[in-house]
Amino acid sequence: MRILLIEDDRVLGETLKDYLKIHEIETVWVWDERQLPKLITKYEFDVLVIDLILNFVPGEEIIAKLRQAGIETPILVITAKKTLDDKEKCFLKGADDYLTKPFDFKEFLLRVKALSRRKHMSTIVNIGDLTVNIDAKTIYRGGEEVKISKKAWQLLELLLKNRGEIVSQETILNYVWPGKNVGDEVVRAYIKELRKILPPDSIITYPGRGYRLS
């Protein structure tokens, strides 16, 4: 995986680059955002990580210009700006995720990996006789829509993003119920809801570890 990091804090930029290297992620890091045009044409990136408060061009403007140019690479914003208005502005301009400083490096890594999988995942996924449209958030069997609860959809989406891999109970709780005190029995209930619509043995349980969509 290769990411582009635009961050003018040189200590943070260097530290993030070293941390990602440990996890086998190549990082092209620049502290001068004016280098972006030549880099975006020179390399293929899986994720773009952009700070908002930069020296020459606001991060929000960079995001807007990238999307206007037809660049669809997932964008993760990292910034000290914490208001809902700041977040709304970035999402409206085309950002995919938003992480406020200071942040935990492990959470940063998880978000980068999730965005990378989003880039490589097809919008339409077939599971047996089901057709799942990730963008439209719909499920069809034949020509008939299959409806599930919002939480079940979020769980299915997470399993799809990690298809073939074991998704831990902790990851599920943090993704579907962030900040909530939810027990294992609730996760099992929504797994049961998904099993009712999916082909037999689509979801494999790994006791004490998590679940895998086969």
C-alpha atoms as a PDB file:
ATOM      1  CA  MET A   1       0.000   0.000   0.000  1.00  0.00           C
ATOM      2  CA  ARG A   2       1.167   3.541  -0.748  1.00  0.00           C
ATOM      3  CA  ILE A   3      -0.279   6.711   0.777  1.00  0.00           C
ATOM      4  CA  LEU A   4       0.374  10.407   0.235  1.00  0.00           C
ATOM      5  CA  LEU A   5       0.695  12.406   3.457  1.00  0.00           C
ATOM      6  CA  ILE A   6       0.387  16.201   3.272  1.00  0.00           C
ATOM      7  CA  GLU A   7       1.382  17.468   6.726  1.00  0.00           C
ATOM      8  CA  ASP A   8       3.434  20.576   7.522  1.00  0.00           C
ATOM      9  CA  ASP A   9       4.195  19.491  11.102  1.00  0.00           C
ATOM     10  CA  ARG A  10       7.560  17.872  10.448  1.00  0.00           C
ATOM     11  CA  VAL A  11       7.711  15.987  13.727  1.00  0.00           C
ATOM     12  CA  LEU A  12       4.273  14.470  13.209  1.00  0.00           C
ATOM     13  CA  GLY A  13       4.947  13.786   9.528  1.00  0.00           C
ATOM     14  CA  GLU A  14       8.207  11.973  10.210  1.00  0.00           C
ATOM     15  CA  THR A  15       6.692  10.004  13.083  1.00  0.00           C
ATOM     16  CA  LEU A  16       3.683   8.891  11.028  1.00  0.00           C
ATOM     17  CA  LYS A  17       5.920   7.881   8.144  1.00  0.00           C
ATOM     18  CA  ASP A  18       8.092   5.738  10.450  1.00  0.00           C
ATOM     19  CA  TYR A  19       5.029   4.200  12.115  1.00  0.00           C
ATOM     20  CA  LEU A  20       3.448   3.264   8.776  1.00  0.00           C
ATOM     21  CA  LYS A  21       6.736   1.797   7.559  1.00  0.00           C
ATOM     22  CA  ILE A  22       6.658  -0.643  10.467  1.00  0.00           C
ATOM     23  CA  HIS A  23       3.273  -1.782   9.153  1.00  0.00           C
ATOM     24  CA  GLU A  24       4.627  -2.139   5.596  1.00  0.00           C
ATOM     25  CA  ILE A  25       2.879   0.942   4.223  1.00  0.00           C
ATOM     26  CA  GLU A  26       4.898   3.179   1.926  1.00  0.00           C
ATOM     27  CA  THR A  27       4.406   6.871   2.689  1.00  0.00           C
ATOM     28  CA  VAL A  28       5.187   9.735   0.346  1.00  0.00           C
ATOM     29  CA  TRP A  29       5.265  12.656   2.775  1.00  0.00           C
ATOM     30  CA  VAL A  30       5.388  16.334   1.814  1.00  0.00           C
ATOM     31  CA  TRP A  31       5.231  19.399   4.064  1.00  0.00           C
ATOM     32  CA  ASP A  32       4.868  21.809   1.135  1.00  0.00           C
ATOM     33  CA  GLU A  33       1.440  21.198  -0.406  1.00  0.00           C
ATOM     34  CA  ARG A  34       2.522  22.919  -3.631  1.00  0.00           C
ATOM     35  CA  GLN A  35       4.312  19.685  -4.558  1.00  0.00           C
ATOM     36  CA  LEU A  36       0.981  17.867  -4.854  1.00  0.00           C
ATOM     37  CA  PRO A  37       0.345  18.325  -8.618  1.00  0.00           C
ATOM     38  CA  LYS A  38       3.541  16.558  -9.689  1.00  0.00           C
ATOM     39  CA  LEU A  39       3.179  13.796  -7.089  1.00  0.00           C
ATOM     40  CA  ILE A  40      -0.415  12.972  -7.935  1.00  0.00           C
ATOM     41  CA  THR A  41       0.568  12.285 -11.553  1.00  0.00           C
ATOM     42  CA  LYS A  42       3.829  10.498 -10.727  1.00  0.00           C
ATOM     43  CA  TYR A  43       2.501   7.912  -8.253  1.00  0.00           C
ATOM     44  CA  GLU A  44      -0.539   5.713  -7.760  1.00  0.00           C
ATOM     45  CA  PHE A  45      -1.840   6.193  -4.217  1.00  0.00           C
ATOM     46  CA  ASP A  46      -4.262   4.056  -2.222  1.00  0.00           C
ATOM     47  CA  VAL A  47      -5.132   6.814   0.266  1.00  0.00           C
ATOM     48  CA  LEU A  48      -4.510  10.577   0.487  1.00  0.00           C
ATOM     49  CA  VAL A  49      -4.001  11.977   4.008  1.00  0.00           C
ATOM     50  CA  ILE A  50      -4.412  15.745   4.136  1.00  0.00           C
ATOM     51  CA  ASP A  51      -4.017  18.255   6.966  1.00  0.00           C
ATOM     52  CA  LEU A  52      -6.312  21.272   6.733  1.00  0.00           C
ATOM     53  CA  ILE A  53      -4.076  23.976   8.217  1.00  0.00           C
ATOM     54  CA  LEU A  54      -1.170  24.262   5.776  1.00  0.00           C
ATOM     55  CA  ASN A  55       1.270  27.019   4.823  1.00  0.00           C
ATOM     56  CA  PHE A  56       0.113  27.941   1.336  1.00  0.00           C
ATOM     57  CA  VAL A  57      -3.206  26.326   0.368  1.00  0.00           C
ATOM     58  CA  PRO A  58      -6.040  25.352   2.758  1.00  0.00           C
ATOM     59  CA  GLY A  59      -6.649  21.623   2.907  1.00  0.00           C
ATOM     60  CA  GLU A  60     -10.323  22.127   2.087  1.00  0.00           C
ATOM     61  CA  GLU A  61      -9.339  23.773  -1.196  1.00  0.00           C
ATOM     62  CA  ILE A  62      -6.962  20.929  -2.030  1.00  0.00           C
ATOM     63  CA  ILE A  63      -9.732  18.369  -1.493  1.00  0.00           C
ATOM     64  CA  ALA A  64     -12.131  20.302  -3.718  1.00  0.00           C
ATOM     65  CA  LYS A  65      -9.566  20.623  -6.526  1.00  0.00           C
ATOM     66  CA  LEU A  66      -8.715  16.909  -6.397  1.00  0.00           C
ATOM     67  CA  ARG A  67     -12.369  15.944  -6.756  1.00  0.00           C
ATOM     68  CA  GLN A  68     -12.940  18.501  -9.514  1.00  0.00           C
ATOM     69  CA  ALA A  69     -10.009  16.943 -11.372  1.00  0.00           C
ATOM     70  CA  GLY A  70     -11.754  13.567 -11.221  1.00  0.00           C
ATOM     71  CA  ILE A  71      -9.358  12.000  -8.699  1.00  0.00           C
ATOM     72  CA  GLU A  72     -11.378   9.458  -6.706  1.00  0.00           C
ATOM     73  CA  THR A  73      -8.650   8.213  -4.330  1.00  0.00           C
ATOM     74  CA  PRO A  74     -10.046   8.034  -0.757  1.00  0.00           C
ATOM     75  CA  ILE A  75      -9.157  11.069   1.372  1.00  0.00           C
ATOM     76  CA  LEU A  76      -8.549  11.058   5.119  1.00  0.00           C
ATOM     77  CA  VAL A  77      -8.467  14.472   6.808  1.00  0.00           C
ATOM     78  CA  ILE A  78      -6.251  14.915   9.880  1.00  0.00           C
ATOM     79  CA  THR A  79      -6.636  18.254  11.616  1.00  0.00           C
ATOM     80  CA  ALA A  80      -6.934  20.217  14.835  1.00  0.00           C
ATOM     81  CA  LYS A  81     -10.245  21.640  13.573  1.00  0.00           C
ATOM     82  CA  LYS A  82     -12.950  19.933  15.603  1.00  0.00           C
ATOM     83  CA  THR A  83     -16.282  21.652  14.906  1.00  0.00           C
ATOM     84  CA  LEU A  84     -19.141  19.973  13.100  1.00  0.00           C
ATOM     85  CA  ASP A  85     -19.104  22.783  10.526  1.00  0.00           C
ATOM     86  CA  ASP A  86     -15.454  22.022   9.702  1.00  0.00           C
ATOM     87  CA  LYS A  87     -16.285  18.343   9.242  1.00  0.00           C
ATOM     88  CA  GLU A  88     -19.354  19.085   7.121  1.00  0.00           C
ATOM     89  CA  LYS A  89     -17.354  21.385   4.855  1.00  0.00           C
ATOM     90  CA  CYS A  90     -14.734  18.685   4.214  1.00  0.00           C
ATOM     91  CA  PHE A  91     -17.261  15.935   3.548  1.00  0.00           C
ATOM     92  CA  LEU A  92     -19.196  18.162   1.153  1.00  0.00           C
ATOM     93  CA  LYS A  93     -15.990  18.868  -0.748  1.00  0.00           C
ATOM     94  CA  GLY A  94     -15.257  15.153  -1.103  1.00  0.00           C
ATOM     95  CA  ALA A  95     -13.395  13.880   1.968  1.00  0.00           C
ATOM     96  CA  ASP A  96     -14.090  10.281   2.973  1.00  0.00           C
ATOM     97  CA  ASP A  97     -13.008  10.317   6.621  1.00  0.00           C
ATOM     98  CA  TYR A  98     -12.069  12.866   9.292  1.00  0.00           C
ATOM     99  CA  LEU A  99      -9.717  12.409  12.256  1.00  0.00           C
ATOM    100  CA  THR A 100      -9.063  15.171  14.782  1.00  0.00           C
ATOM    101  CA  LYS A 101      -5.707  15.787  16.448  1.00  0.00           C
ATOM    102  CA  PRO A 102      -4.360  14.516  18.730  1.00  0.00           C
ATOM    103  CA  PHE A 103      -5.187  10.967  17.663  1.00  0.00           C
ATOM    104  CA  ASP A 104      -4.099   7.441  18.474  1.00  0.00           C
ATOM    105  CA  PHE A 105      -1.710   6.081  15.838  1.00  0.00           C
ATOM    106  CA  LYS A 106      -3.441   2.705  15.837  1.00  0.00           C
ATOM    107  CA  GLU A 107      -6.759   4.363  15.031  1.00  0.00           C
ATOM    108  CA  PHE A 108      -5.039   6.293  12.239  1.00  0.00           C
ATOM    109  CA  LEU A 109      -3.674   3.023  10.837  1.00  0.00           C
ATOM    110  CA  LEU A 110      -7.095   1.336  11.010  1.00  0.00           C
ATOM    111  CA  ARG A 111      -8.736   4.204   9.153  1.00  0.00           C
ATOM    112  CA  VAL A 112      -6.067   4.228   6.437  1.00  0.00           C
ATOM    113  CA  LYS A 113      -6.476   0.475   5.915  1.00  0.00           C
ATOM    114  CA  ALA A 114     -10.270   0.761   5.799  1.00  0.00           C
ATOM    115  CA  LEU A 115     -10.093   3.516   3.166  1.00  0.00           C
ATOM    116  CA  SER A 116      -7.626   1.505   1.124  1.00  0.00           C
ATOM    117  CA  ARG A 117     -10.010  -1.447   1.045  1.00  0.00           C
ATOM    118  CA  ARG A 118     -12.824   0.882   0.005  1.00  0.00           C
ATOM    119  CA  LYS A 119     -10.838   1.921  -3.054  1.00  0.00           C
ATOM    120  CA  HIS A 120     -10.303  -1.642  -4.173  1.00  0.00           C
ATOM    121  CA  MET A 121     -13.764  -2.953  -3.345  1.00  0.00           C
ATOM    122  CA  SER A 122     -16.320  -3.160  -6.111  1.00  0.00           C
ATOM    123  CA  THR A 123     -19.516  -1.174  -5.563  1.00  0.00           C
ATOM    124  CA  ILE A 124     -21.572  -4.233  -6.499  1.00  0.00           C
ATOM    125  CA  VAL A 125     -20.901  -7.459  -4.588  1.00  0.00           C
ATOM    126  CA  ASN A 126     -22.614 -10.800  -5.219  1.00  0.00           C
ATOM    127  CA  ILE A 127     -23.070 -13.235  -2.341  1.00  0.00           C
ATOM    128  CA  GLY A 128     -24.806 -16.355  -3.549  1.00  0.00           C
ATOM    129  CA  ASP A 129     -28.106 -15.184  -5.015  1.00  0.00           C
ATOM    130  CA  LEU A 130     -27.855 -11.786  -3.325  1.00  0.00           C
ATOM    131  CA  THR A 131     -26.670  -8.598  -5.023  1.00  0.00           C
ATOM    132  CA  VAL A 132     -25.333  -6.009  -2.588  1.00  0.00           C
ATOM    133  CA  ASN A 133     -24.869  -2.408  -3.737  1.00  0.00           C
ATOM    134  CA  ILE A 134     -22.414  -0.764  -1.321  1.00  0.00           C
ATOM    135  CA  ASP A 135     -23.021   2.817  -2.461  1.00  0.00           C
ATOM    136  CA  ALA A 136     -26.812   2.573  -2.643  1.00  0.00           C
ATOM    137  CA  LYS A 137     -26.920   0.491   0.564  1.00  0.00           C
ATOM    138  CA  THR A 138     -29.357  -1.978  -0.987  1.00  0.00           C
ATOM    139  CA  ILE A 139     -29.651  -5.750  -1.149  1.00  0.00           C
ATOM    140  CA  TYR A 140     -31.599  -7.590  -3.851  1.00  0.00           C
ATOM    141  CA  ARG A 141     -32.512 -11.218  -4.413  1.00  0.00           C
ATOM    142  CA  GLY A 142     -33.665 -11.538  -7.987  1.00  0.00           C
ATOM    143  CA  GLY A 143     -35.679  -8.377  -8.558  1.00  0.00           C
ATOM    144  CA  GLU A 144     -36.916  -8.142  -4.985  1.00  0.00           C
ATOM    145  CA  GLU A 145     -35.283  -5.944  -2.354  1.00  0.00           C
ATOM    146  CA  VAL A 146     -34.214  -7.576   0.890  1.00  0.00           C
ATOM    147  CA  LYS A 147     -34.424  -5.206   3.847  1.00  0.00           C
ATOM    148  CA  ILE A 148     -32.330  -5.383   7.008  1.00  0.00           C
ATOM    149  CA  SER A 149     -31.845  -3.080   9.998  1.00  0.00           C
ATOM    150  CA  LYS A 150     -29.351  -0.207   9.952  1.00  0.00           C
ATOM    151  CA  LYS A 151     -26.983  -1.914  12.403  1.00  0.00           C
ATOM    152  CA  ALA A 152     -27.133  -5.173  10.454  1.00  0.00           C
ATOM    153  CA  TRP A 153     -26.213  -3.229   7.308  1.00  0.00           C
ATOM    154  CA  GLN A 154     -23.228  -1.615   9.019  1.00  0.00           C
ATOM    155  CA  LEU A 155     -22.078  -5.028  10.212  1.00  0.00           C
ATOM    156  CA  LEU A 156     -22.484  -6.509   6.728  1.00  0.00           C
ATOM    157  CA  GLU A 157     -20.571  -3.585   5.211  1.00  0.00           C
ATOM    158  CA  LEU A 158     -17.689  -4.145   7.655  1.00  0.00           C
ATOM    159  CA  LEU A 159     -17.576  -7.876   6.893  1.00  0.00           C
ATOM    160  CA  LEU A 160     -17.611  -7.129   3.154  1.00  0.00           C
ATOM    161  CA  LYS A 161     -14.720  -4.684   3.470  1.00  0.00           C
ATOM    162  CA  ASN A 162     -12.764  -7.434   5.211  1.00  0.00           C
ATOM    163  CA  ARG A 163     -14.088 -10.344   3.161  1.00  0.00           C
ATOM    164  CA  GLY A 164     -12.042 -13.481   3.726  1.00  0.00           C
ATOM    165  CA  GLU A 165     -10.462 -12.095   6.916  1.00  0.00           C
ATOM    166  CA  ILE A 166     -11.445 -12.598  10.548  1.00  0.00           C
ATOM    167  CA  VAL A 167     -13.014  -9.419  11.915  1.00  0.00           C
ATOM    168  CA  SER A 168     -12.502  -9.198  15.666  1.00  0.00           C
ATOM    169  CA  GLN A 169     -15.279  -8.529  18.149  1.00  0.00           C
ATOM    170  CA  GLU A 170     -13.479  -5.320  19.165  1.00  0.00           C
ATOM    171  CA  THR A 171     -13.368  -4.068  15.572  1.00  0.00           C
ATOM    172  CA  ILE A 172     -17.074  -4.771  15.123  1.00  0.00           C
ATOM    173  CA  LEU A 173     -18.000  -2.937  18.320  1.00  0.00           C
ATOM    174  CA  ASN A 174     -15.853   0.094  17.433  1.00  0.00           C
ATOM    175  CA  TYR A 175     -17.256   0.244  13.887  1.00  0.00           C
ATOM    176  CA  VAL A 176     -20.959  -0.383  14.507  1.00  0.00           C
ATOM    177  CA  TRP A 177     -21.336   0.923  18.067  1.00  0.00           C
ATOM    178  CA  PRO A 178     -18.515   3.466  18.587  1.00  0.00           C
ATOM    179  CA  GLY A 179     -18.331   4.686  22.174  1.00  0.00           C
ATOM    180  CA  LYS A 180     -21.278   2.533  23.246  1.00  0.00           C
ATOM    181  CA  ASN A 181     -21.245  -0.075  26.010  1.00  0.00           C
ATOM    182  CA  VAL A 182     -22.542  -3.002  23.949  1.00  0.00           C
ATOM    183  CA  GLY A 183     -22.128  -6.650  24.864  1.00  0.00           C
ATOM    184  CA  ASP A 184     -21.271  -9.713  22.782  1.00  0.00           C
ATOM    185  CA  GLU A 185     -24.877 -10.884  22.805  1.00  0.00           C
ATOM    186  CA  VAL A 186     -25.920  -7.834  20.763  1.00  0.00           C
ATOM    187  CA  VAL A 187     -23.314  -8.638  18.094  1.00  0.00           C
ATOM    188  CA  ARG A 188     -24.555 -12.230  17.983  1.00  0.00           C
ATOM    189  CA  ALA A 189     -28.118 -10.991  17.496  1.00  0.00           C
ATOM    190  CA  TYR A 190     -27.160  -8.994  14.408  1.00  0.00           C
ATOM    191  CA  ILE A 191     -25.015 -11.820  13.081  1.00  0.00           C
ATOM    192  CA  LYS A 192     -28.131 -13.977  13.382  1.00  0.00           C
ATOM    193  CA  GLU A 193     -30.121 -11.372  11.423  1.00  0.00           C
ATOM    194  CA  LEU A 194     -27.563 -11.464   8.602  1.00  0.00           C
ATOM    195  CA  ARG A 195     -27.492 -15.257   8.531  1.00  0.00           C
ATOM    196  CA  LYS A 196     -31.217 -15.268   7.823  1.00  0.00           C
ATOM    197  CA  ILE A 197     -30.674 -13.572   4.453  1.00  0.00           C
ATOM    198  CA  LEU A 198     -27.209 -14.844   3.456  1.00  0.00           C
ATOM    199  CA  PRO A 199     -26.475 -18.256   1.932  1.00  0.00           C
ATOM    200  CA  PRO A 200     -25.729 -21.011   4.493  1.00  0.00           C
ATOM    201  CA  ASP A 201     -22.251 -20.898   6.066  1.00  0.00           C
ATOM    202  CA  SER A 202     -21.501 -17.441   4.617  1.00  0.00           C
ATOM    203  CA  ILE A 203     -20.500 -16.134   8.055  1.00  0.00           C
ATOM    204  CA  ILE A 204     -17.995 -18.267   9.931  1.00  0.00           C
ATOM    205  CA  THR A 205     -17.712 -17.869  13.715  1.00  0.00           C
ATOM    206  CA  TYR A 206     -14.303 -18.037  15.379  1.00  0.00           C
ATOM    207  CA  PRO A 207     -15.032 -18.387  19.124  1.00  0.00           C
ATOM    208  CA  GLY A 208     -13.175 -15.796  21.142  1.00  0.00           C
ATOM    209  CA  ARG A 209     -11.820 -14.147  18.007  1.00  0.00           C
ATOM    210  CA  GLY A 210     -14.571 -12.852  15.727  1.00  0.00           C
ATOM    211  CA  TYR A 211     -16.339 -13.533  12.425  1.00  0.00           C
ATOM    212  CA  ARG A 212     -15.381 -14.028   8.798  1.00  0.00           C
ATOM    213  CA  LEU A 213     -17.462 -13.593   5.632  1.00  0.00           C
ATOM    214  CA  SER A 214     -16.466 -16.463   3.370  1.00  0.00           C
END
